[in-house]
Amino acid sequence: MALRSFADGTLFAQVTGTSPSRVLALHGWARRGSDIAPVIQGVDAITPDLPGFGASPVPDEVLGAKGYAKAVAPLLDECDEPPVLLGHSFGGRVAVCLATAYPDRVGPLVLSGVPLVRRAPSGRSNLTYRTVKALNRVGIVSDSRLEAEKKRRGSADYRAVSGVMRDILVKVVNESYEDQLRQLRSPVHLIWGELDGEVPLVVAETARDIMKEAGVEVTLTVLPGVGHLTPVEAPDQLRQAVVEALNR
C-alpha cells in the first residue's frame, strides 16, 4: 500500500480501510509502520513511519517521547472521533505521551512491549562507565576509548544508529513514564509476550500497579510463548485487543 505524506512532509503513513481513521498505530524502534499491517487488517487505521524511520525524515533536533508525540499529533486530525492508540515498544512510549498531552482527543490504549518504567542498571557496569567517562573529561582516557566503551555497553540499537538518532535513543532509554501513567484518562490494555526479553513482564506488572493506584482502568494480558515482537509473533491477539477497544 502506498504511503501518504502528512504534516508538511515530516511524516509518511499508510492509511488502511476508509477515512476517517479509527486507530492510530505506532511501531517500535528501528521498525516501520508496515510491521503493524497484519494487526490492523480490516480496520480503518493510520500507521505512520515515525520520524527517522522508514520513509519519514530524521528530526532536526533530539526528541524524547514527548517530542515524538507532538510530531505525530497532526495525525489526530485524520480521525473524527478519538482513535484507539496502538503502541508497540518505542511507539508505546509515544502513545502514552500523546494520550496525556491530548487527553480529549484519544481513546483507549493498547500497549505491548513498552518500556514504561526504567529498570535499575547493573551497579558494576554503571560504575565502570562513569569511571571511563570521568577519566575522559580530564584527558586520561581518549575519546575513541570512551566511544568503544559506549558501544560495548550499548545495545544493538545503539550500535546501529549515529548522529541525531543515536542521541534520540540515548534520551528515550533514560526516560520513564510513571507521571504519564498516573495522568491517563483512557482505559489501557497491556498485552505482553510471556518471553519478552527486551521489556520483561515485570515492567508491565509494575506499570499496571502504578495505573491501578491512580484509578486508571487497566488490564494485563500475557501471551504464552510470545517474545517482544508481538505485532509479528501475535498479530491476531493484538488485533482482537484493538477490536475490543473499538467496541467499548
C-alpha atoms as a PDB file:
ATOM      1  CA  MET A   1       0.000   0.000   0.000  1.00  0.00           C
ATOM      2  CA  ALA A   2       1.290   3.464  -0.934  1.00  0.00           C
ATOM      3  CA  LEU A   3       2.445   5.895   1.724  1.00  0.00           C
ATOM      4  CA  ARG A   4       0.837   9.304   2.099  1.00  0.00           C
ATOM      5  CA  SER A   5       2.539  12.480   3.242  1.00  0.00           C
ATOM      6  CA  PHE A   6       1.357  14.337   6.330  1.00  0.00           C
ATOM      7  CA  ALA A   7       2.444  17.292   8.476  1.00  0.00           C
ATOM      8  CA  ASP A   8       4.173  19.153   5.629  1.00  0.00           C
ATOM      9  CA  GLY A   9       6.207  16.109   4.646  1.00  0.00           C
ATOM     10  CA  THR A  10       7.583  15.348   8.118  1.00  0.00           C
ATOM     11  CA  LEU A  11       5.523  12.150   8.347  1.00  0.00           C
ATOM     12  CA  PHE A  12       4.675   9.399   5.899  1.00  0.00           C
ATOM     13  CA  ALA A  13       1.956   6.929   6.772  1.00  0.00           C
ATOM     14  CA  GLN A  14      -0.161   4.096   5.432  1.00  0.00           C
ATOM     15  CA  VAL A  15      -3.919   4.533   5.615  1.00  0.00           C
ATOM     16  CA  THR A  16      -5.911   1.303   5.668  1.00  0.00           C
ATOM     17  CA  GLY A  17      -9.641   0.898   5.313  1.00  0.00           C
ATOM     18  CA  THR A  18     -11.725   4.020   4.856  1.00  0.00           C
ATOM     19  CA  SER A  19     -11.402   7.510   6.258  1.00  0.00           C
ATOM     20  CA  PRO A  20     -11.737   8.798   8.886  1.00  0.00           C
ATOM     21  CA  SER A  21      -9.327   6.526  10.717  1.00  0.00           C
ATOM     22  CA  ARG A  22     -10.365   4.885  13.972  1.00  0.00           C
ATOM     23  CA  VAL A  23      -6.935   3.579  15.030  1.00  0.00           C
ATOM     24  CA  LEU A  24      -3.545   5.259  15.211  1.00  0.00           C
ATOM     25  CA  ALA A  25      -0.854   2.560  15.307  1.00  0.00           C
ATOM     26  CA  LEU A  26       2.723   3.367  16.341  1.00  0.00           C
ATOM     27  CA  HIS A  27       5.610   0.988  15.681  1.00  0.00           C
ATOM     28  CA  GLY A  28       8.733   0.144  17.658  1.00  0.00           C
ATOM     29  CA  TRP A  29      12.292   1.444  17.446  1.00  0.00           C
ATOM     30  CA  ALA A  30      14.100   0.690  14.163  1.00  0.00           C
ATOM     31  CA  ARG A  31      10.887  -0.715  12.696  1.00  0.00           C
ATOM     32  CA  ARG A  32       8.293   0.916  10.455  1.00  0.00           C
ATOM     33  CA  GLY A  33       4.550   1.192  10.128  1.00  0.00           C
ATOM     34  CA  SER A  34       4.277  -1.758   7.765  1.00  0.00           C
ATOM     35  CA  ASP A  35       5.231  -4.025  10.700  1.00  0.00           C
ATOM     36  CA  ILE A  36       1.771  -3.453  12.108  1.00  0.00           C
ATOM     37  CA  ALA A  37      -0.097  -4.148   8.852  1.00  0.00           C
ATOM     38  CA  PRO A  38      -1.051  -7.720   9.904  1.00  0.00           C
ATOM     39  CA  VAL A  39      -2.555  -6.362  13.124  1.00  0.00           C
ATOM     40  CA  ILE A  40      -4.843  -3.791  11.514  1.00  0.00           C
ATOM     41  CA  GLN A  41      -6.202  -5.794   8.603  1.00  0.00           C
ATOM     42  CA  GLY A  42      -9.844  -4.857   8.148  1.00  0.00           C
ATOM     43  CA  VAL A  43      -9.540  -1.844  10.466  1.00  0.00           C
ATOM     44  CA  ASP A  44      -9.762   1.827   9.497  1.00  0.00           C
ATOM     45  CA  ALA A  45      -6.316   2.884  10.651  1.00  0.00           C
ATOM     46  CA  ILE A  46      -3.411   5.205  10.051  1.00  0.00           C
ATOM     47  CA  THR A  47       0.069   3.810  10.603  1.00  0.00           C
ATOM     48  CA  PRO A  48       2.965   6.254  10.306  1.00  0.00           C
ATOM     49  CA  ASP A  49       6.636   5.647   9.895  1.00  0.00           C
ATOM     50  CA  LEU A  50       7.787   7.537  12.971  1.00  0.00           C
ATOM     51  CA  PRO A  51      10.331  10.341  12.330  1.00  0.00           C
ATOM     52  CA  GLY A  52      13.733   8.897  11.481  1.00  0.00           C
ATOM     53  CA  PHE A  53      12.364   5.507  10.397  1.00  0.00           C
ATOM     54  CA  GLY A  54      11.117   4.166   7.095  1.00  0.00           C
ATOM     55  CA  ALA A  55      10.110   6.988   4.771  1.00  0.00           C
ATOM     56  CA  SER A  56       9.789   9.706   7.424  1.00  0.00           C
ATOM     57  CA  PRO A  57      12.796  12.059   7.618  1.00  0.00           C
ATOM     58  CA  VAL A  58      15.103  12.286  10.620  1.00  0.00           C
ATOM     59  CA  PRO A  59      14.074  15.020  13.089  1.00  0.00           C
ATOM     60  CA  ASP A  60      16.052  18.261  13.076  1.00  0.00           C
ATOM     61  CA  GLU A  61      16.565  18.053  16.827  1.00  0.00           C
ATOM     62  CA  VAL A  62      16.897  15.500  19.593  1.00  0.00           C
ATOM     63  CA  LEU A  63      13.377  14.490  20.605  1.00  0.00           C
ATOM     64  CA  GLY A  64      12.150  12.454  23.526  1.00  0.00           C
ATOM     65  CA  ALA A  65       8.852  10.593  23.534  1.00  0.00           C
ATOM     66  CA  LYS A  66       7.007  13.865  24.249  1.00  0.00           C
ATOM     67  CA  GLY A  67       8.602  15.408  21.173  1.00  0.00           C
ATOM     68  CA  TYR A  68       7.574  12.430  19.076  1.00  0.00           C
ATOM     69  CA  ALA A  69       4.032  12.721  20.430  1.00  0.00           C
ATOM     70  CA  LYS A  70       3.921  16.339  19.300  1.00  0.00           C
ATOM     71  CA  ALA A  71       5.288  15.310  15.901  1.00  0.00           C
ATOM     72  CA  VAL A  72       2.540  12.724  15.303  1.00  0.00           C
ATOM     73  CA  ALA A  73      -0.279  14.790  16.823  1.00  0.00           C
ATOM     74  CA  PRO A  74      -1.337  16.163  13.396  1.00  0.00           C
ATOM     75  CA  LEU A  75      -2.482  12.636  12.517  1.00  0.00           C
ATOM     76  CA  LEU A  76      -5.271  13.015  15.079  1.00  0.00           C
ATOM     77  CA  ASP A  77      -6.874  15.379  12.563  1.00  0.00           C
ATOM     78  CA  GLU A  78      -7.449  12.311  10.358  1.00  0.00           C
ATOM     79  CA  CYS A  79      -9.838  10.920  12.973  1.00  0.00           C
ATOM     80  CA  ASP A  80     -13.390  12.213  13.536  1.00  0.00           C
ATOM     81  CA  GLU A  81     -13.564  10.543  16.938  1.00  0.00           C
ATOM     82  CA  PRO A  82     -10.809   9.878  19.485  1.00  0.00           C
ATOM     83  CA  PRO A  83      -8.923   6.919  17.985  1.00  0.00           C
ATOM     84  CA  VAL A  84      -7.656   3.815  19.686  1.00  0.00           C
ATOM     85  CA  LEU A  85      -3.901   4.171  20.166  1.00  0.00           C
ATOM     86  CA  LEU A  86      -1.943   1.001  19.453  1.00  0.00           C
ATOM     87  CA  GLY A  87       1.681   1.280  20.538  1.00  0.00           C
ATOM     88  CA  HIS A  88       4.408  -1.335  20.379  1.00  0.00           C
ATOM     89  CA  SER A  89       7.701  -0.802  22.238  1.00  0.00           C
ATOM     90  CA  PHE A  90       9.002   2.695  21.376  1.00  0.00           C
ATOM     91  CA  GLY A  91       5.659   3.513  19.770  1.00  0.00           C
ATOM     92  CA  GLY A  92       4.005   2.833  23.114  1.00  0.00           C
ATOM     93  CA  ARG A  93       6.190   5.455  24.763  1.00  0.00           C
ATOM     94  CA  VAL A  94       4.912   7.922  22.189  1.00  0.00           C
ATOM     95  CA  ALA A  95       1.307   6.755  22.628  1.00  0.00           C
ATOM     96  CA  VAL A  96       1.369   7.339  26.396  1.00  0.00           C
ATOM     97  CA  CYS A  97       2.783  10.839  25.945  1.00  0.00           C
ATOM     98  CA  LEU A  98       0.241  11.581  23.202  1.00  0.00           C
ATOM     99  CA  ALA A  99      -2.618  10.431  25.448  1.00  0.00           C
ATOM    100  CA  THR A 100      -1.541  12.662  28.324  1.00  0.00           C
ATOM    101  CA  ALA A 101      -0.835  15.676  26.110  1.00  0.00           C
ATOM    102  CA  TYR A 102      -4.169  15.403  24.253  1.00  0.00           C
ATOM    103  CA  PRO A 103      -6.492  13.572  26.669  1.00  0.00           C
ATOM    104  CA  ASP A 104      -9.699  14.681  24.952  1.00  0.00           C
ATOM    105  CA  ARG A 105      -8.513  13.587  21.510  1.00  0.00           C
ATOM    106  CA  VAL A 106      -7.542   9.967  22.096  1.00  0.00           C
ATOM    107  CA  GLY A 107      -9.471   6.843  23.011  1.00  0.00           C
ATOM    108  CA  PRO A 108      -8.381   3.577  24.642  1.00  0.00           C
ATOM    109  CA  LEU A 109      -4.732   2.499  24.562  1.00  0.00           C
ATOM    110  CA  VAL A 110      -3.457  -0.928  23.556  1.00  0.00           C
ATOM    111  CA  LEU A 111       0.203  -1.182  24.592  1.00  0.00           C
ATOM    112  CA  SER A 112       2.613  -4.052  24.032  1.00  0.00           C
ATOM    113  CA  GLY A 113       6.260  -4.473  24.998  1.00  0.00           C
ATOM    114  CA  VAL A 114       6.615  -0.839  26.052  1.00  0.00           C
ATOM    115  CA  PRO A 115       9.468   0.266  28.381  1.00  0.00           C
ATOM    116  CA  LEU A 116       7.095   2.272  30.565  1.00  0.00           C
ATOM    117  CA  VAL A 117       9.262   2.217  33.688  1.00  0.00           C
ATOM    118  CA  ARG A 118      13.035   2.083  33.909  1.00  0.00           C
ATOM    119  CA  ARG A 119      14.818  -0.857  35.432  1.00  0.00           C
ATOM    120  CA  ALA A 120      17.861  -0.222  37.623  1.00  0.00           C
ATOM    121  CA  PRO A 121      21.142  -0.701  35.703  1.00  0.00           C
ATOM    122  CA  SER A 122      23.872  -3.008  36.900  1.00  0.00           C
ATOM    123  CA  GLY A 123      25.851  -1.176  39.567  1.00  0.00           C
ATOM    124  CA  ARG A 124      29.195  -2.572  38.457  1.00  0.00           C
ATOM    125  CA  SER A 125      28.594  -1.816  34.786  1.00  0.00           C
ATOM    126  CA  ASN A 126      27.416   1.682  35.592  1.00  0.00           C
ATOM    127  CA  LEU A 127      30.476   2.349  37.792  1.00  0.00           C
ATOM    128  CA  THR A 128      32.846   1.227  35.030  1.00  0.00           C
ATOM    129  CA  TYR A 129      31.268   3.566  32.526  1.00  0.00           C
ATOM    130  CA  ARG A 130      31.219   6.502  34.958  1.00  0.00           C
ATOM    131  CA  THR A 131      34.906   5.953  35.649  1.00  0.00           C
ATOM    132  CA  VAL A 132      35.830   5.895  31.953  1.00  0.00           C
ATOM    133  CA  LYS A 133      33.718   8.985  31.343  1.00  0.00           C
ATOM    134  CA  ALA A 134      35.343  10.867  34.228  1.00  0.00           C
ATOM    135  CA  LEU A 135      38.835   9.950  33.033  1.00  0.00           C
ATOM    136  CA  ASN A 136      37.926  11.125  29.547  1.00  0.00           C
ATOM    137  CA  ARG A 137      36.919  14.527  30.897  1.00  0.00           C
ATOM    138  CA  VAL A 138      40.374  15.073  32.400  1.00  0.00           C
ATOM    139  CA  GLY A 139      42.197  13.790  29.338  1.00  0.00           C
ATOM    140  CA  ILE A 140      43.422  10.460  30.708  1.00  0.00           C
ATOM    141  CA  VAL A 141      41.133   8.336  28.541  1.00  0.00           C
ATOM    142  CA  SER A 142      40.811   9.111  24.816  1.00  0.00           C
ATOM    143  CA  ASP A 143      37.573   9.899  23.010  1.00  0.00           C
ATOM    144  CA  SER A 144      37.955   6.692  20.995  1.00  0.00           C
ATOM    145  CA  ARG A 145      38.238   4.647  24.199  1.00  0.00           C
ATOM    146  CA  LEU A 146      35.104   6.315  25.570  1.00  0.00           C
ATOM    147  CA  GLU A 147      33.223   5.623  22.329  1.00  0.00           C
ATOM    148  CA  ALA A 148      34.369   1.995  22.425  1.00  0.00           C
ATOM    149  CA  GLU A 149      33.028   1.679  25.974  1.00  0.00           C
ATOM    150  CA  LYS A 150      29.708   3.194  24.909  1.00  0.00           C
ATOM    151  CA  LYS A 151      29.405   0.697  22.064  1.00  0.00           C
ATOM    152  CA  ARG A 152      30.430  -2.220  24.272  1.00  0.00           C
ATOM    153  CA  ARG A 153      27.771  -1.365  26.800  1.00  0.00           C
ATOM    154  CA  GLY A 154      25.219  -0.230  24.241  1.00  0.00           C
ATOM    155  CA  SER A 155      22.515  -2.324  22.683  1.00  0.00           C
ATOM    156  CA  ALA A 156      22.360  -3.434  19.081  1.00  0.00           C
ATOM    157  CA  ASP A 157      20.005  -0.491  18.522  1.00  0.00           C
ATOM    158  CA  TYR A 158      22.667   1.890  19.845  1.00  0.00           C
ATOM    159  CA  ARG A 159      25.371   0.430  17.622  1.00  0.00           C
ATOM    160  CA  ALA A 160      23.110   0.584  14.565  1.00  0.00           C
ATOM    161  CA  VAL A 161      22.493   4.343  14.650  1.00  0.00           C
ATOM    162  CA  SER A 162      24.533   7.524  14.743  1.00  0.00           C
ATOM    163  CA  GLY A 163      24.113  11.275  14.882  1.00  0.00           C
ATOM    164  CA  VAL A 164      20.740  12.651  15.911  1.00  0.00           C
ATOM    165  CA  MET A 165      19.086   9.232  16.024  1.00  0.00           C
ATOM    166  CA  ARG A 166      21.696   7.917  18.456  1.00  0.00           C
ATOM    167  CA  ASP A 167      21.156  10.955  20.666  1.00  0.00           C
ATOM    168  CA  ILE A 168      17.408  10.380  20.488  1.00  0.00           C
ATOM    169  CA  LEU A 169      17.858   6.743  21.503  1.00  0.00           C
ATOM    170  CA  VAL A 170      20.004   7.716  24.483  1.00  0.00           C
ATOM    171  CA  LYS A 171      17.392  10.259  25.536  1.00  0.00           C
ATOM    172  CA  VAL A 172      14.390   7.953  25.349  1.00  0.00           C
ATOM    173  CA  VAL A 173      16.010   4.942  27.014  1.00  0.00           C
ATOM    174  CA  ASN A 174      16.661   7.170  30.016  1.00  0.00           C
ATOM    175  CA  GLU A 175      13.037   8.265  30.209  1.00  0.00           C
ATOM    176  CA  SER A 176      10.419   6.797  32.496  1.00  0.00           C
ATOM    177  CA  TYR A 177       6.703   7.431  32.363  1.00  0.00           C
ATOM    178  CA  GLU A 178       5.309   6.995  35.856  1.00  0.00           C
ATOM    179  CA  ASP A 179       3.837  10.528  35.846  1.00  0.00           C
ATOM    180  CA  GLN A 180       2.163   9.994  32.481  1.00  0.00           C
ATOM    181  CA  LEU A 181       0.745   6.633  33.592  1.00  0.00           C
ATOM    182  CA  ARG A 182      -0.912   8.295  36.582  1.00  0.00           C
ATOM    183  CA  GLN A 183      -2.442  11.000  34.363  1.00  0.00           C
ATOM    184  CA  LEU A 184      -4.080   8.722  31.807  1.00  0.00           C
ATOM    185  CA  ARG A 185      -7.837   9.111  31.442  1.00  0.00           C
ATOM    186  CA  SER A 186      -8.399   6.449  28.807  1.00  0.00           C
ATOM    187  CA  PRO A 187      -8.637   2.728  29.568  1.00  0.00           C
ATOM    188  CA  VAL A 188      -5.434   0.803  28.931  1.00  0.00           C
ATOM    189  CA  HIS A 189      -4.938  -2.785  27.781  1.00  0.00           C
ATOM    190  CA  LEU A 190      -1.404  -4.074  28.308  1.00  0.00           C
ATOM    191  CA  ILE A 191      -0.766  -7.126  26.134  1.00  0.00           C
ATOM    192  CA  TRP A 192       2.636  -8.711  26.743  1.00  0.00           C
ATOM    193  CA  GLY A 193       4.724 -11.574  25.495  1.00  0.00           C
ATOM    194  CA  GLU A 194       5.489 -14.015  28.280  1.00  0.00           C
ATOM    195  CA  LEU A 195       9.005 -14.451  26.864  1.00  0.00           C
ATOM    196  CA  ASP A 196       9.730 -10.772  26.179  1.00  0.00           C
ATOM    197  CA  GLY A 197      13.440 -10.480  26.937  1.00  0.00           C
ATOM    198  CA  GLU A 198      13.751  -6.807  25.976  1.00  0.00           C
ATOM    199  CA  VAL A 199      10.923  -5.483  28.132  1.00  0.00           C
ATOM    200  CA  PRO A 200      10.201  -8.209  30.695  1.00  0.00           C
ATOM    201  CA  LEU A 201       6.753  -8.880  32.065  1.00  0.00           C
ATOM    202  CA  VAL A 202       7.709  -7.272  35.388  1.00  0.00           C
ATOM    203  CA  VAL A 203       7.697  -3.905  33.594  1.00  0.00           C
ATOM    204  CA  ALA A 204       4.081  -4.432  32.569  1.00  0.00           C
ATOM    205  CA  GLU A 205       3.140  -5.561  36.074  1.00  0.00           C
ATOM    206  CA  THR A 206       4.787  -2.508  37.619  1.00  0.00           C
ATOM    207  CA  ALA A 207       3.085  -0.175  35.150  1.00  0.00           C
ATOM    208  CA  ARG A 208      -0.275  -1.853  35.791  1.00  0.00           C
ATOM    209  CA  ASP A 209       0.084  -1.376  39.532  1.00  0.00           C
ATOM    210  CA  ILE A 210       1.003   2.313  39.110  1.00  0.00           C
ATOM    211  CA  MET A 211      -2.062   2.905  36.954  1.00  0.00           C
ATOM    212  CA  LYS A 212      -4.379   0.963  39.259  1.00  0.00           C
ATOM    213  CA  GLU A 213      -3.247   3.010  42.241  1.00  0.00           C
ATOM    214  CA  ALA A 214      -4.015   6.169  40.247  1.00  0.00           C
ATOM    215  CA  GLY A 215      -7.501   4.955  39.363  1.00  0.00           C
ATOM    216  CA  VAL A 216      -6.772   4.249  35.696  1.00  0.00           C
ATOM    217  CA  GLU A 217      -8.808   1.432  34.153  1.00  0.00           C
ATOM    218  CA  VAL A 218      -6.153  -1.109  33.160  1.00  0.00           C
ATOM    219  CA  THR A 219      -5.962  -4.781  32.222  1.00  0.00           C
ATOM    220  CA  LEU A 220      -2.965  -7.008  31.512  1.00  0.00           C
ATOM    221  CA  THR A 221      -3.000  -9.977  29.137  1.00  0.00           C
ATOM    222  CA  VAL A 222       0.036 -12.274  28.966  1.00  0.00           C
ATOM    223  CA  LEU A 223       0.669 -14.177  25.723  1.00  0.00           C
ATOM    224  CA  PRO A 224       2.269 -17.588  26.404  1.00  0.00           C
ATOM    225  CA  GLY A 225       5.292 -18.442  24.287  1.00  0.00           C
ATOM    226  CA  VAL A 226       5.473 -14.975  22.694  1.00  0.00           C
ATOM    227  CA  GLY A 227       8.512 -12.687  22.801  1.00  0.00           C
ATOM    228  CA  HIS A 228       8.993  -8.970  22.234  1.00  0.00           C
ATOM    229  CA  LEU A 229       7.848  -8.577  18.615  1.00  0.00           C
ATOM    230  CA  THR A 230       4.155  -9.069  19.281  1.00  0.00           C
ATOM    231  CA  PRO A 231       2.971  -7.415  16.009  1.00  0.00           C
ATOM    232  CA  VAL A 232       4.871 -10.116  14.129  1.00  0.00           C
ATOM    233  CA  GLU A 233       4.520 -13.022  16.562  1.00  0.00           C
ATOM    234  CA  ALA A 234       0.945 -12.489  17.737  1.00  0.00           C
ATOM    235  CA  PRO A 235      -0.915 -10.199  15.309  1.00  0.00           C
ATOM    236  CA  ASP A 236      -4.260 -11.932  15.854  1.00  0.00           C
ATOM    237  CA  GLN A 237      -4.177 -11.374  19.595  1.00  0.00           C
ATOM    238  CA  LEU A 238      -3.252  -7.719  19.142  1.00  0.00           C
ATOM    239  CA  ARG A 239      -5.994  -7.253  16.547  1.00  0.00           C
ATOM    240  CA  GLN A 240      -8.518  -8.746  18.950  1.00  0.00           C
ATOM    241  CA  ALA A 241      -7.442  -6.282  21.635  1.00  0.00           C
ATOM    242  CA  VAL A 242      -7.804  -3.391  19.172  1.00  0.00           C
ATOM    243  CA  VAL A 243     -11.267  -4.539  18.052  1.00  0.00           C
ATOM    244  CA  GLU A 244     -12.380  -4.865  21.672  1.00  0.00           C
ATOM    245  CA  ALA A 245     -11.138  -1.339  22.324  1.00  0.00           C
ATOM    246  CA  LEU A 246     -13.052  -0.058  19.285  1.00  0.00           C
ATOM    247  CA  ASN A 247     -16.231  -1.687  20.557  1.00  0.00           C
ATOM    248  CA  ARG A 248     -16.118  -0.143  24.008  1.00  0.00           C
END
